[in-house]
Amino acid sequence: CSHHFCPVIGKVWIGVMPNEHTNVI
C-alpha cells in the first residue's frame, strides 16, 4: 500500500470477451 508500504497480497480474476479483431495473448 502507498500509505504505509505494508504488503497487499491477493488474487485477481480476469474475464475477456474477445471479438474477431481481438489480439490473443
mmCIF file of all heavy atoms, coordinates in Angstrom:
data_MODEL
# 
_entry.id   MODEL 
# 
loop_
_atom_site.group_PDB 
_atom_site.id 
_atom_site.type_symbol 
_atom_site.label_atom_id 
_atom_site.label_alt_id 
_atom_site.label_comp_id 
_atom_site.label_asym_id 
_atom_site.label_entity_id 
_atom_site.label_seq_id 
_atom_site.pdbx_PDB_ins_code 
_atom_site.Cartn_x 
_atom_site.Cartn_y 
_atom_site.Cartn_z 
_atom_site.occupancy 
_atom_site.B_iso_or_equiv 
_atom_site.pdbx_formal_charge 
_atom_site.auth_seq_id 
_atom_site.auth_comp_id 
_atom_site.auth_asym_id 
_atom_site.auth_atom_id 
_atom_site.pdbx_PDB_model_num 
ATOM 1   N N   . CYS A 1 1  ? 0.842   -1.194  0.000   1.00 0.00 ? 1  CYS A N   1 
ATOM 2   C CA  . CYS A 1 1  ? 0.000   0.000   0.000   1.00 0.00 ? 1  CYS A CA  1 
ATOM 3   C C   . CYS A 1 1  ? 0.882   1.251   0.000   1.00 0.00 ? 1  CYS A C   1 
ATOM 4   O O   . CYS A 1 1  ? 1.934   1.284   0.632   1.00 0.00 ? 1  CYS A O   1 
ATOM 5   C CB  . CYS A 1 1  ? -0.954  0.006   1.186   1.00 0.00 ? 1  CYS A CB  1 
ATOM 6   S SG  . CYS A 1 1  ? -0.200  0.414   2.774   1.00 0.00 ? 1  CYS A SG  1 
ATOM 7   N N   . SER A 1 2  ? 0.433   2.264   -0.716  1.00 0.00 ? 2  SER A N   1 
ATOM 8   C CA  . SER A 1 2  ? 1.192   3.505   -0.805  1.00 0.00 ? 2  SER A CA  1 
ATOM 9   C C   . SER A 1 2  ? 1.247   4.246   0.524   1.00 0.00 ? 2  SER A C   1 
ATOM 10  O O   . SER A 1 2  ? 2.140   5.065   0.728   1.00 0.00 ? 2  SER A O   1 
ATOM 11  C CB  . SER A 1 2  ? 0.563   4.423   -1.867  1.00 0.00 ? 2  SER A CB  1 
ATOM 12  O OG  . SER A 1 2  ? 0.522   3.799   -3.122  1.00 0.00 ? 2  SER A OG  1 
ATOM 13  N N   . HIS A 1 3  ? 0.298   3.984   1.395   1.00 0.00 ? 3  HIS A N   1 
ATOM 14  C CA  . HIS A 1 3  ? 0.204   4.744   2.651   1.00 0.00 ? 3  HIS A CA  1 
ATOM 15  C C   . HIS A 1 3  ? 1.246   4.318   3.679   1.00 0.00 ? 3  HIS A C   1 
ATOM 16  O O   . HIS A 1 3  ? 1.845   5.161   4.349   1.00 0.00 ? 3  HIS A O   1 
ATOM 17  C CB  . HIS A 1 3  ? -1.196  4.590   3.254   1.00 0.00 ? 3  HIS A CB  1 
ATOM 18  C CG  . HIS A 1 3  ? -2.284  5.128   2.383   1.00 0.00 ? 3  HIS A CG  1 
ATOM 19  N ND1 . HIS A 1 3  ? -3.581  4.655   2.423   1.00 0.00 ? 3  HIS A ND1 1 
ATOM 20  C CD2 . HIS A 1 3  ? -2.265  6.097   1.437   1.00 0.00 ? 3  HIS A CD2 1 
ATOM 21  C CE1 . HIS A 1 3  ? -4.316  5.316   1.535   1.00 0.00 ? 3  HIS A CE1 1 
ATOM 22  N NE2 . HIS A 1 3  ? -3.543  6.189   0.932   1.00 0.00 ? 3  HIS A NE2 1 
ATOM 23  N N   . HIS A 1 4  ? 1.448   3.000   3.820   1.00 0.00 ? 4  HIS A N   1 
ATOM 24  C CA  . HIS A 1 4  ? 2.347   2.503   4.870   1.00 0.00 ? 4  HIS A CA  1 
ATOM 25  C C   . HIS A 1 4  ? 3.453   1.580   4.349   1.00 0.00 ? 4  HIS A C   1 
ATOM 26  O O   . HIS A 1 4  ? 4.280   1.112   5.128   1.00 0.00 ? 4  HIS A O   1 
ATOM 27  C CB  . HIS A 1 4  ? 1.538   1.742   5.932   1.00 0.00 ? 4  HIS A CB  1 
ATOM 28  C CG  . HIS A 1 4  ? 0.534   2.581   6.648   1.00 0.00 ? 4  HIS A CG  1 
ATOM 29  N ND1 . HIS A 1 4  ? -0.795  2.630   6.265   1.00 0.00 ? 4  HIS A ND1 1 
ATOM 30  C CD2 . HIS A 1 4  ? 0.651   3.413   7.712   1.00 0.00 ? 4  HIS A CD2 1 
ATOM 31  C CE1 . HIS A 1 4  ? -1.456  3.447   7.067   1.00 0.00 ? 4  HIS A CE1 1 
ATOM 32  N NE2 . HIS A 1 4  ? -0.606  3.940   7.947   1.00 0.00 ? 4  HIS A NE2 1 
ATOM 33  N N   . PHE A 1 5  ? 3.441   1.292   3.028   1.00 0.00 ? 5  PHE A N   1 
ATOM 34  C CA  . PHE A 1 5  ? 4.373   0.327   2.450   1.00 0.00 ? 5  PHE A CA  1 
ATOM 35  C C   . PHE A 1 5  ? 4.230   -1.051  3.102   1.00 0.00 ? 5  PHE A C   1 
ATOM 36  O O   . PHE A 1 5  ? 5.194   -1.810  3.192   1.00 0.00 ? 5  PHE A O   1 
ATOM 37  C CB  . PHE A 1 5  ? 5.825   0.815   2.566   1.00 0.00 ? 5  PHE A CB  1 
ATOM 38  C CG  . PHE A 1 5  ? 6.226   1.757   1.457   1.00 0.00 ? 5  PHE A CG  1 
ATOM 39  C CD1 . PHE A 1 5  ? 5.286   2.439   0.713   1.00 0.00 ? 5  PHE A CD1 1 
ATOM 40  C CD2 . PHE A 1 5  ? 7.566   1.960   1.156   1.00 0.00 ? 5  PHE A CD2 1 
ATOM 41  C CE1 . PHE A 1 5  ? 5.646   3.311   -0.296  1.00 0.00 ? 5  PHE A CE1 1 
ATOM 42  C CE2 . PHE A 1 5  ? 7.956   2.828   0.140   1.00 0.00 ? 5  PHE A CE2 1 
ATOM 43  C CZ  . PHE A 1 5  ? 7.000   3.509   -0.589  1.00 0.00 ? 5  PHE A CZ  1 
ATOM 44  N N   . CYS A 1 6  ? 3.040   -1.373  3.574   1.00 0.00 ? 6  CYS A N   1 
ATOM 45  C CA  . CYS A 1 6  ? 2.757   -2.700  4.103   1.00 0.00 ? 6  CYS A CA  1 
ATOM 46  C C   . CYS A 1 6  ? 2.282   -3.597  2.950   1.00 0.00 ? 6  CYS A C   1 
ATOM 47  O O   . CYS A 1 6  ? 1.661   -3.114  1.996   1.00 0.00 ? 6  CYS A O   1 
ATOM 48  C CB  . CYS A 1 6  ? 1.680   -2.641  5.183   1.00 0.00 ? 6  CYS A CB  1 
ATOM 49  S SG  . CYS A 1 6  ? 2.240   -1.936  6.748   1.00 0.00 ? 6  CYS A SG  1 
ATOM 50  N N   . PRO A 1 7  ? 2.524   -4.902  3.041   1.00 0.00 ? 7  PRO A N   1 
ATOM 51  C CA  . PRO A 1 7  ? 2.155   -5.790  1.938   1.00 0.00 ? 7  PRO A CA  1 
ATOM 52  C C   . PRO A 1 7  ? 0.655   -5.800  1.646   1.00 0.00 ? 7  PRO A C   1 
ATOM 53  O O   . PRO A 1 7  ? -0.179  -5.669  2.551   1.00 0.00 ? 7  PRO A O   1 
ATOM 54  C CB  . PRO A 1 7  ? 2.613   -7.166  2.426   1.00 0.00 ? 7  PRO A CB  1 
ATOM 55  C CG  . PRO A 1 7  ? 3.692   -6.877  3.418   1.00 0.00 ? 7  PRO A CG  1 
ATOM 56  C CD  . PRO A 1 7  ? 3.287   -5.608  4.093   1.00 0.00 ? 7  PRO A CD  1 
ATOM 57  N N   . VAL A 1 8  ? 0.338   -5.954  0.378   1.00 0.00 ? 8  VAL A N   1 
ATOM 58  C CA  . VAL A 1 8  ? -1.014  -6.227  -0.106  1.00 0.00 ? 8  VAL A CA  1 
ATOM 59  C C   . VAL A 1 8  ? -0.893  -7.508  -0.922  1.00 0.00 ? 8  VAL A C   1 
ATOM 60  O O   . VAL A 1 8  ? -0.205  -7.539  -1.940  1.00 0.00 ? 8  VAL A O   1 
ATOM 61  C CB  . VAL A 1 8  ? -1.553  -5.085  -0.986  1.00 0.00 ? 8  VAL A CB  1 
ATOM 62  C CG1 . VAL A 1 8  ? -2.919  -5.471  -1.577  1.00 0.00 ? 8  VAL A CG1 1 
ATOM 63  C CG2 . VAL A 1 8  ? -1.647  -3.790  -0.206  1.00 0.00 ? 8  VAL A CG2 1 
ATOM 64  N N   . ILE A 1 9  ? -1.527  -8.567  -0.458  1.00 0.00 ? 9  ILE A N   1 
ATOM 65  C CA  . ILE A 1 9  ? -1.404  -9.867  -1.116  1.00 0.00 ? 9  ILE A CA  1 
ATOM 66  C C   . ILE A 1 9  ? -2.798  -10.405 -1.421  1.00 0.00 ? 9  ILE A C   1 
ATOM 67  O O   . ILE A 1 9  ? -3.665  -10.436 -0.537  1.00 0.00 ? 9  ILE A O   1 
ATOM 68  C CB  . ILE A 1 9  ? -0.619  -10.860 -0.241  1.00 0.00 ? 9  ILE A CB  1 
ATOM 69  C CG1 . ILE A 1 9  ? 0.791   -10.317 0.024   1.00 0.00 ? 9  ILE A CG1 1 
ATOM 70  C CG2 . ILE A 1 9  ? -0.539  -12.233 -0.910  1.00 0.00 ? 9  ILE A CG2 1 
ATOM 71  C CD1 . ILE A 1 9  ? 1.630   -11.166 0.941   1.00 0.00 ? 9  ILE A CD1 1 
ATOM 72  N N   . GLY A 1 10 ? -2.991  -10.805 -2.664  1.00 0.00 ? 10 GLY A N   1 
ATOM 73  C CA  . GLY A 1 10 ? -4.326  -11.272 -3.019  1.00 0.00 ? 10 GLY A CA  1 
ATOM 74  C C   . GLY A 1 10 ? -4.350  -12.020 -4.337  1.00 0.00 ? 10 GLY A C   1 
ATOM 75  O O   . GLY A 1 10 ? -3.332  -12.526 -4.812  1.00 0.00 ? 10 GLY A O   1 
ATOM 76  N N   . LYS A 1 11 ? -5.542  -12.063 -4.924  1.00 0.00 ? 11 LYS A N   1 
ATOM 77  C CA  . LYS A 1 11 ? -5.749  -12.789 -6.175  1.00 0.00 ? 11 LYS A CA  1 
ATOM 78  C C   . LYS A 1 11 ? -6.572  -11.931 -7.128  1.00 0.00 ? 11 LYS A C   1 
ATOM 79  O O   . LYS A 1 11 ? -7.393  -11.114 -6.709  1.00 0.00 ? 11 LYS A O   1 
ATOM 80  C CB  . LYS A 1 11 ? -6.455  -14.116 -5.913  1.00 0.00 ? 11 LYS A CB  1 
ATOM 81  C CG  . LYS A 1 11 ? -5.636  -15.078 -5.044  1.00 0.00 ? 11 LYS A CG  1 
ATOM 82  C CD  . LYS A 1 11 ? -6.296  -16.419 -4.903  1.00 0.00 ? 11 LYS A CD  1 
ATOM 83  C CE  . LYS A 1 11 ? -5.492  -17.326 -3.983  1.00 0.00 ? 11 LYS A CE  1 
ATOM 84  N NZ  . LYS A 1 11 ? -4.113  -17.564 -4.479  1.00 0.00 ? 11 LYS A NZ  1 
ATOM 85  N N   . VAL A 1 12 ? -6.314  -12.149 -8.412  1.00 0.00 ? 12 VAL A N   1 
ATOM 86  C CA  . VAL A 1 12 ? -7.007  -11.412 -9.473  1.00 0.00 ? 12 VAL A CA  1 
ATOM 87  C C   . VAL A 1 12 ? -7.620  -12.403 -10.448 1.00 0.00 ? 12 VAL A C   1 
ATOM 88  O O   . VAL A 1 12 ? -6.994  -13.412 -10.799 1.00 0.00 ? 12 VAL A O   1 
ATOM 89  C CB  . VAL A 1 12 ? -6.027  -10.477 -10.216 1.00 0.00 ? 12 VAL A CB  1 
ATOM 90  C CG1 . VAL A 1 12 ? -6.635  -9.959  -11.509 1.00 0.00 ? 12 VAL A CG1 1 
ATOM 91  C CG2 . VAL A 1 12 ? -5.624  -9.307  -9.331  1.00 0.00 ? 12 VAL A CG2 1 
ATOM 92  N N   . TRP A 1 13 ? -8.845  -12.120 -10.866 1.00 0.00 ? 13 TRP A N   1 
ATOM 93  C CA  . TRP A 1 13 ? -9.506  -12.875 -11.935 1.00 0.00 ? 13 TRP A CA  1 
ATOM 94  C C   . TRP A 1 13 ? -9.761  -11.921 -13.089 1.00 0.00 ? 13 TRP A C   1 
ATOM 95  O O   . TRP A 1 13 ? -10.228 -10.793 -12.884 1.00 0.00 ? 13 TRP A O   1 
ATOM 96  C CB  . TRP A 1 13 ? -10.830 -13.465 -11.466 1.00 0.00 ? 13 TRP A CB  1 
ATOM 97  C CG  . TRP A 1 13 ? -10.709 -14.536 -10.431 1.00 0.00 ? 13 TRP A CG  1 
ATOM 98  C CD1 . TRP A 1 13 ? -10.700 -15.887 -10.632 1.00 0.00 ? 13 TRP A CD1 1 
ATOM 99  C CD2 . TRP A 1 13 ? -10.592 -14.362 -9.007  1.00 0.00 ? 13 TRP A CD2 1 
ATOM 100 N NE1 . TRP A 1 13 ? -10.585 -16.548 -9.440  1.00 0.00 ? 13 TRP A NE1 1 
ATOM 101 C CE2 . TRP A 1 13 ? -10.509 -15.641 -8.431  1.00 0.00 ? 13 TRP A CE2 1 
ATOM 102 C CE3 . TRP A 1 13 ? -10.543 -13.234 -8.175  1.00 0.00 ? 13 TRP A CE3 1 
ATOM 103 C CZ2 . TRP A 1 13 ? -10.392 -15.833 -7.056  1.00 0.00 ? 13 TRP A CZ2 1 
ATOM 104 C CZ3 . TRP A 1 13 ? -10.411 -13.416 -6.809  1.00 0.00 ? 13 TRP A CZ3 1 
ATOM 105 C CH2 . TRP A 1 13 ? -10.339 -14.709 -6.259  1.00 0.00 ? 13 TRP A CH2 1 
ATOM 106 N N   . ILE A 1 14 ? -9.472  -12.374 -14.306 1.00 0.00 ? 14 ILE A N   1 
ATOM 107 C CA  . ILE A 1 14 ? -9.625  -11.539 -15.493 1.00 0.00 ? 14 ILE A CA  1 
ATOM 108 C C   . ILE A 1 14 ? -10.567 -12.230 -16.459 1.00 0.00 ? 14 ILE A C   1 
ATOM 109 O O   . ILE A 1 14 ? -10.355 -13.393 -16.826 1.00 0.00 ? 14 ILE A O   1 
ATOM 110 C CB  . ILE A 1 14 ? -8.266  -11.304 -16.180 1.00 0.00 ? 14 ILE A CB  1 
ATOM 111 C CG1 . ILE A 1 14 ? -7.295  -10.618 -15.207 1.00 0.00 ? 14 ILE A CG1 1 
ATOM 112 C CG2 . ILE A 1 14 ? -8.434  -10.471 -17.447 1.00 0.00 ? 14 ILE A CG2 1 
ATOM 113 C CD1 . ILE A 1 14 ? -5.862  -10.592 -15.709 1.00 0.00 ? 14 ILE A CD1 1 
ATOM 114 N N   . GLY A 1 15 ? -11.611 -11.528 -16.856 1.00 0.00 ? 15 GLY A N   1 
ATOM 115 C CA  . GLY A 1 15 ? -12.556 -12.040 -17.847 1.00 0.00 ? 15 GLY A CA  1 
ATOM 116 C C   . GLY A 1 15 ? -12.429 -11.252 -19.140 1.00 0.00 ? 15 GLY A C   1 
ATOM 117 O O   . GLY A 1 15 ? -12.402 -10.014 -19.120 1.00 0.00 ? 15 GLY A O   1 
ATOM 118 N N   . VAL A 1 16 ? -12.341 -11.957 -20.255 1.00 0.00 ? 16 VAL A N   1 
ATOM 119 C CA  . VAL A 1 16 ? -12.195 -11.310 -21.555 1.00 0.00 ? 16 VAL A CA  1 
ATOM 120 C C   . VAL A 1 16 ? -13.276 -11.830 -22.498 1.00 0.00 ? 16 VAL A C   1 
ATOM 121 O O   . VAL A 1 16 ? -13.477 -13.045 -22.613 1.00 0.00 ? 16 VAL A O   1 
ATOM 122 C CB  . VAL A 1 16 ? -10.797 -11.590 -22.164 1.00 0.00 ? 16 VAL A CB  1 
ATOM 123 C CG1 . VAL A 1 16 ? -10.686 -10.979 -23.554 1.00 0.00 ? 16 VAL A CG1 1 
ATOM 124 C CG2 . VAL A 1 16 ? -9.700  -11.052 -21.256 1.00 0.00 ? 16 VAL A CG2 1 
ATOM 125 N N   . MET A 1 17 ? -13.962 -10.915 -23.138 1.00 0.00 ? 17 MET A N   1 
ATOM 126 C CA  . MET A 1 17 ? -14.902 -11.259 -24.201 1.00 0.00 ? 17 MET A CA  1 
ATOM 127 C C   . MET A 1 17 ? -14.298 -10.799 -25.520 1.00 0.00 ? 17 MET A C   1 
ATOM 128 O O   . MET A 1 17 ? -14.341 -9.610  -25.858 1.00 0.00 ? 17 MET A O   1 
ATOM 129 C CB  . MET A 1 17 ? -16.261 -10.595 -23.971 1.00 0.00 ? 17 MET A CB  1 
ATOM 130 C CG  . MET A 1 17 ? -17.286 -10.927 -25.049 1.00 0.00 ? 17 MET A CG  1 
ATOM 131 S SD  . MET A 1 17 ? -17.655 -12.697 -25.195 1.00 0.00 ? 17 MET A SD  1 
ATOM 132 C CE  . MET A 1 17 ? -18.667 -12.926 -23.744 1.00 0.00 ? 17 MET A CE  1 
ATOM 133 N N   . PRO A 1 18 ? -13.670 -11.720 -26.268 1.00 0.00 ? 18 PRO A N   1 
ATOM 134 C CA  . PRO A 1 18 ? -12.955 -11.320 -27.489 1.00 0.00 ? 18 PRO A CA  1 
ATOM 135 C C   . PRO A 1 18 ? -13.904 -11.079 -28.657 1.00 0.00 ? 18 PRO A C   1 
ATOM 136 O O   . PRO A 1 18 ? -15.083 -11.422 -28.618 1.00 0.00 ? 18 PRO A O   1 
ATOM 137 C CB  . PRO A 1 18 ? -12.051 -12.524 -27.754 1.00 0.00 ? 18 PRO A CB  1 
ATOM 138 C CG  . PRO A 1 18 ? -12.816 -13.681 -27.196 1.00 0.00 ? 18 PRO A CG  1 
ATOM 139 C CD  . PRO A 1 18 ? -13.568 -13.160 -25.998 1.00 0.00 ? 18 PRO A CD  1 
ATOM 140 N N   . ASN A 1 19 ? -13.352 -10.477 -29.688 1.00 0.00 ? 19 ASN A N   1 
ATOM 141 C CA  . ASN A 1 19 ? -14.043 -10.384 -30.969 1.00 0.00 ? 19 ASN A CA  1 
ATOM 142 C C   . ASN A 1 19 ? -13.049 -10.764 -32.054 1.00 0.00 ? 19 ASN A C   1 
ATOM 143 O O   . ASN A 1 19 ? -11.903 -11.113 -31.767 1.00 0.00 ? 19 ASN A O   1 
ATOM 144 C CB  . ASN A 1 19 ? -14.621 -8.977  -31.192 1.00 0.00 ? 19 ASN A CB  1 
ATOM 145 C CG  . ASN A 1 19 ? -13.545 -7.907  -31.166 1.00 0.00 ? 19 ASN A CG  1 
ATOM 146 O OD1 . ASN A 1 19 ? -12.539 -7.994  -31.867 1.00 0.00 ? 19 ASN A OD1 1 
ATOM 147 N ND2 . ASN A 1 19 ? -13.751 -6.887  -30.338 1.00 0.00 ? 19 ASN A ND2 1 
ATOM 148 N N   . GLU A 1 20 ? -13.448 -10.719 -33.299 1.00 0.00 ? 20 GLU A N   1 
ATOM 149 C CA  . GLU A 1 20 ? -12.580 -11.194 -34.376 1.00 0.00 ? 20 GLU A CA  1 
ATOM 150 C C   . GLU A 1 20 ? -11.317 -10.350 -34.535 1.00 0.00 ? 20 GLU A C   1 
ATOM 151 O O   . GLU A 1 20 ? -10.331 -10.792 -35.122 1.00 0.00 ? 20 GLU A O   1 
ATOM 152 C CB  . GLU A 1 20 ? -13.342 -11.218 -35.696 1.00 0.00 ? 20 GLU A CB  1 
ATOM 153 C CG  . GLU A 1 20 ? -13.851 -9.855  -36.150 1.00 0.00 ? 20 GLU A CG  1 
ATOM 154 C CD  . GLU A 1 20 ? -14.649 -9.947  -37.443 1.00 0.00 ? 20 GLU A CD  1 
ATOM 155 O OE1 . GLU A 1 20 ? -15.863 -10.216 -37.359 1.00 0.00 ? 20 GLU A OE1 1 
ATOM 156 O OE2 . GLU A 1 20 ? -14.044 -9.757  -38.506 1.00 0.00 ? 20 GLU A OE2 1 
ATOM 157 N N   . HIS A 1 21 ? -11.340 -9.131  -33.976 1.00 0.00 ? 21 HIS A N   1 
ATOM 158 C CA  . HIS A 1 21 ? -10.167 -8.252  -34.076 1.00 0.00 ? 21 HIS A CA  1 
ATOM 159 C C   . HIS A 1 21 ? -9.305  -8.277  -32.809 1.00 0.00 ? 21 HIS A C   1 
ATOM 160 O O   . HIS A 1 21 ? -8.266  -7.633  -32.772 1.00 0.00 ? 21 HIS A O   1 
ATOM 161 C CB  . HIS A 1 21 ? -10.615 -6.815  -34.353 1.00 0.00 ? 21 HIS A CB  1 
ATOM 162 C CG  . HIS A 1 21 ? -11.487 -6.680  -35.560 1.00 0.00 ? 21 HIS A CG  1 
ATOM 163 N ND1 . HIS A 1 21 ? -11.036 -6.933  -36.838 1.00 0.00 ? 21 HIS A ND1 1 
ATOM 164 C CD2 . HIS A 1 21 ? -12.802 -6.331  -35.679 1.00 0.00 ? 21 HIS A CD2 1 
ATOM 165 C CE1 . HIS A 1 21 ? -12.025 -6.740  -37.704 1.00 0.00 ? 21 HIS A CE1 1 
ATOM 166 N NE2 . HIS A 1 21 ? -13.105 -6.380  -37.028 1.00 0.00 ? 21 HIS A NE2 1 
ATOM 167 N N   . THR A 1 22 ? -9.749  -9.012  -31.800 1.00 0.00 ? 22 THR A N   1 
ATOM 168 C CA  . THR A 1 22 ? -9.023  -9.051  -30.537 1.00 0.00 ? 22 THR A CA  1 
ATOM 169 C C   . THR A 1 22 ? -7.682  -9.754  -30.697 1.00 0.00 ? 22 THR A C   1 
ATOM 170 O O   . THR A 1 22 ? -7.599  -10.815 -31.329 1.00 0.00 ? 22 THR A O   1 
ATOM 171 C CB  . THR A 1 22 ? -9.859  -9.780  -29.465 1.00 0.00 ? 22 THR A CB  1 
ATOM 172 O OG1 . THR A 1 22 ? -11.059 -9.044  -29.223 1.00 0.00 ? 22 THR A OG1 1 
ATOM 173 C CG2 . THR A 1 22 ? -9.080  -9.905  -28.157 1.00 0.00 ? 22 THR A CG2 1 
ATOM 174 N N   . ASN A 1 23 ? -6.645  -9.173  -30.121 1.00 0.00 ? 23 ASN A N   1 
ATOM 175 C CA  . ASN A 1 23 ? -5.346  -9.843  -30.098 1.00 0.00 ? 23 ASN A CA  1 
ATOM 176 C C   . ASN A 1 23 ? -5.351  -10.909 -29.013 1.00 0.00 ? 23 ASN A C   1 
ATOM 177 O O   . ASN A 1 23 ? -5.857  -10.698 -27.916 1.00 0.00 ? 23 ASN A O   1 
ATOM 178 C CB  . ASN A 1 23 ? -4.234  -8.832  -29.815 1.00 0.00 ? 23 ASN A CB  1 
ATOM 179 C CG  . ASN A 1 23 ? -4.073  -7.834  -30.937 1.00 0.00 ? 23 ASN A CG  1 
ATOM 180 O OD1 . ASN A 1 23 ? -4.249  -8.165  -32.102 1.00 0.00 ? 23 ASN A OD1 1 
ATOM 181 N ND2 . ASN A 1 23 ? -3.738  -6.609  -30.588 1.00 0.00 ? 23 ASN A ND2 1 
ATOM 182 N N   . VAL A 1 24 ? -4.815  -12.070 -29.332 1.00 0.00 ? 24 VAL A N   1 
ATOM 183 C CA  . VAL A 1 24 ? -4.748  -13.182 -28.392 1.00 0.00 ? 24 VAL A CA  1 
ATOM 184 C C   . VAL A 1 24 ? -3.355  -13.203 -27.772 1.00 0.00 ? 24 VAL A C   1 
ATOM 185 O O   . VAL A 1 24 ? -2.354  -13.150 -28.479 1.00 0.00 ? 24 VAL A O   1 
ATOM 186 C CB  . VAL A 1 24 ? -5.030  -14.526 -29.097 1.00 0.00 ? 24 VAL A CB  1 
ATOM 187 C CG1 . VAL A 1 24 ? -4.919  -15.682 -28.116 1.00 0.00 ? 24 VAL A CG1 1 
ATOM 188 C CG2 . VAL A 1 24 ? -6.406  -14.497 -29.751 1.00 0.00 ? 24 VAL A CG2 1 
ATOM 189 N N   . ILE A 1 25 ? -3.299  -13.270 -26.442 1.00 0.00 ? 25 ILE A N   1 
ATOM 190 C CA  . ILE A 1 25 ? -2.011  -13.371 -25.757 1.00 0.00 ? 25 ILE A CA  1 
ATOM 191 C C   . ILE A 1 25 ? -2.029  -14.626 -24.883 1.00 0.00 ? 25 ILE A C   1 
ATOM 192 O O   . ILE A 1 25 ? -3.088  -15.114 -24.492 1.00 0.00 ? 25 ILE A O   1 
ATOM 193 C CB  . ILE A 1 25 ? -1.695  -12.125 -24.913 1.00 0.00 ? 25 ILE A CB  1 
ATOM 194 C CG1 . ILE A 1 25 ? -2.695  -11.957 -23.777 1.00 0.00 ? 25 ILE A CG1 1 
ATOM 195 C CG2 . ILE A 1 25 ? -1.662  -10.883 -25.789 1.00 0.00 ? 25 ILE A CG2 1 
ATOM 196 C CD1 . ILE A 1 25 ? -2.386  -10.792 -22.841 1.00 0.00 ? 25 ILE A CD1 1 
# 
